[in-house]
C-alpha atoms as a PDB file:
ATOM      1  CA  MET A   1       0.000   0.000   0.000  1.00  0.00           C
ATOM      2  CA  THR A   2       1.415   3.396  -0.981  1.00  0.00           C
ATOM      3  CA  PHE A   3       1.750   6.403   1.315  1.00  0.00           C
ATOM      4  CA  TYR A   4      -1.206   8.020  -0.463  1.00  0.00           C
ATOM      5  CA  GLN A   5      -3.383   4.934  -0.144  1.00  0.00           C
ATOM      6  CA  ARG A   6      -2.740   4.905   3.622  1.00  0.00           C
ATOM      7  CA  LEU A   7      -3.615   8.603   3.762  1.00  0.00           C
ATOM      8  CA  ILE A   8      -6.807   7.967   1.789  1.00  0.00           C
ATOM      9  CA  LYS A   9      -7.812   5.236   4.260  1.00  0.00           C
ATOM     10  CA  GLU A  10      -7.100   7.614   7.162  1.00  0.00           C
ATOM     11  CA  LEU A  11      -8.983  10.605   5.736  1.00  0.00           C
ATOM     12  CA  LEU A  12     -11.750   8.685   3.947  1.00  0.00           C
ATOM     13  CA  PRO A  13     -12.405   5.491   5.908  1.00  0.00           C
ATOM     14  CA  GLN A  14     -15.450   4.709   3.758  1.00  0.00           C
ATOM     15  CA  VAL A  15     -13.196   4.037   0.748  1.00  0.00           C
ATOM     16  CA  GLN A  16     -13.192   0.383  -0.219  1.00  0.00           C
ATOM     17  CA  ASP A  17     -10.231   0.442  -2.606  1.00  0.00           C
ATOM     18  CA  PRO A  18      -7.864   3.386  -2.094  1.00  0.00           C
ATOM     19  CA  ARG A  19      -6.045   2.530  -5.349  1.00  0.00           C
ATOM     20  CA  HIS A  20      -9.035   3.856  -7.255  1.00  0.00           C
ATOM     21  CA  VAL A  21      -9.038   7.177  -5.420  1.00  0.00           C
ATOM     22  CA  GLU A  22      -5.281   7.564  -5.832  1.00  0.00           C
ATOM     23  CA  ALA A  23      -5.598   6.890  -9.559  1.00  0.00           C
ATOM     24  CA  TYR A  24      -8.233   9.609 -10.028  1.00  0.00           C
ATOM     25  CA  LEU A  25      -6.196  12.056  -7.965  1.00  0.00           C
ATOM     26  CA  ARG A  26      -3.156  11.329 -10.133  1.00  0.00           C
ATOM     27  CA  LEU A  27      -5.234  11.727 -13.289  1.00  0.00           C
ATOM     28  CA  ARG A  28      -6.275  15.181 -12.175  1.00  0.00           C
ATOM     29  CA  TYR A  29      -3.036  16.390 -10.594  1.00  0.00           C
ATOM     30  CA  GLY A  30      -0.149  14.130 -11.611  1.00  0.00           C
ATOM     31  CA  THR A  31       1.689  14.792  -8.357  1.00  0.00           C
ATOM     32  CA  LEU A  32      -0.098  14.988  -5.021  1.00  0.00           C
ATOM     33  CA  ASP A  33       2.464  16.466  -2.622  1.00  0.00           C
ATOM     34  CA  HIS A  34       1.193  20.020  -3.041  1.00  0.00           C
ATOM     35  CA  LEU A  35      -2.353  19.250  -1.843  1.00  0.00           C
ATOM     36  CA  SER A  36      -3.269  20.200   1.710  1.00  0.00           C
ATOM     37  CA  ARG A  37      -5.049  17.568   3.794  1.00  0.00           C
ATOM     38  CA  GLU A  38      -8.296  19.474   3.248  1.00  0.00           C
ATOM     39  CA  GLU A  39      -7.819  19.622  -0.529  1.00  0.00           C
ATOM     40  CA  PHE A  40      -6.783  15.974  -0.596  1.00  0.00           C
ATOM     41  CA  THR A  41      -9.951  15.013   1.297  1.00  0.00           C
ATOM     42  CA  GLU A  42     -12.216  17.162  -0.901  1.00  0.00           C
ATOM     43  CA  GLU A  43     -10.707  15.753  -4.085  1.00  0.00           C
ATOM     44  CA  GLY A  44     -10.971  12.243  -2.671  1.00  0.00           C
ATOM     45  CA  LEU A  45     -14.686  12.734  -2.060  1.00  0.00           C
ATOM     46  CA  ILE A  46     -15.156  13.911  -5.638  1.00  0.00           C
ATOM     47  CA  SER A  47     -13.232  10.863  -6.845  1.00  0.00           C
ATOM     48  CA  LEU A  48     -15.548   8.603  -4.852  1.00  0.00           C
ATOM     49  CA  GLU A  49     -18.528   9.872  -6.828  1.00  0.00           C
ATOM     50  CA  VAL A  50     -16.785   9.108 -10.124  1.00  0.00           C
ATOM     51  CA  ILE A  51     -15.793   5.654  -8.853  1.00  0.00           C
ATOM     52  CA  LYS A  52     -19.385   4.875  -7.851  1.00  0.00           C
ATOM     53  CA  ALA A  53     -20.554   5.829 -11.333  1.00  0.00           C
ATOM     54  CA  ASP A  54     -18.014   3.597 -13.109  1.00  0.00           C
ATOM     55  CA  PRO A  55     -16.275   1.023 -10.879  1.00  0.00           C
ATOM     56  CA  LYS A  56     -14.874  -0.921 -13.844  1.00  0.00           C
ATOM     57  CA  GLY A  57     -13.370   2.248 -15.258  1.00  0.00           C
ATOM     58  CA  ALA A  58     -11.837   3.013 -11.867  1.00  0.00           C
ATOM     59  CA  GLU A  59     -10.126  -0.370 -11.813  1.00  0.00           C
ATOM     60  CA  LYS A  60      -8.814   0.099 -15.351  1.00  0.00           C
ATOM     61  CA  LEU A  61      -7.439   3.507 -14.436  1.00  0.00           C
ATOM     62  CA  ALA A  62      -5.755   2.166 -11.278  1.00  0.00           C
ATOM     63  CA  GLN A  63      -4.131  -0.588 -13.306  1.00  0.00           C
ATOM     64  CA  SER A  64      -2.927   1.918 -15.887  1.00  0.00           C
ATOM     65  CA  TYR A  65      -0.996   3.670 -13.102  1.00  0.00           C
ATOM     66  CA  GLY A  66       0.417   0.373 -11.874  1.00  0.00           C
ATOM     67  CA  LEU A  67      -1.623   0.529  -8.692  1.00  0.00           C
END
């Protein structure tokens, strides 16, 4: 589990697969170090909505990032 996946689990305990959230965050931002905890959480919540709408797409995206 990556540092970001652990952070996702800490900030968004409802997340079932943090790889999916990390993948969408990376799609939007590329690098994640510049996000504050608040921004990271907000963006994670947005990602969750996209994941719910297309779980198969979320898995494909995670795999494309090697997650």
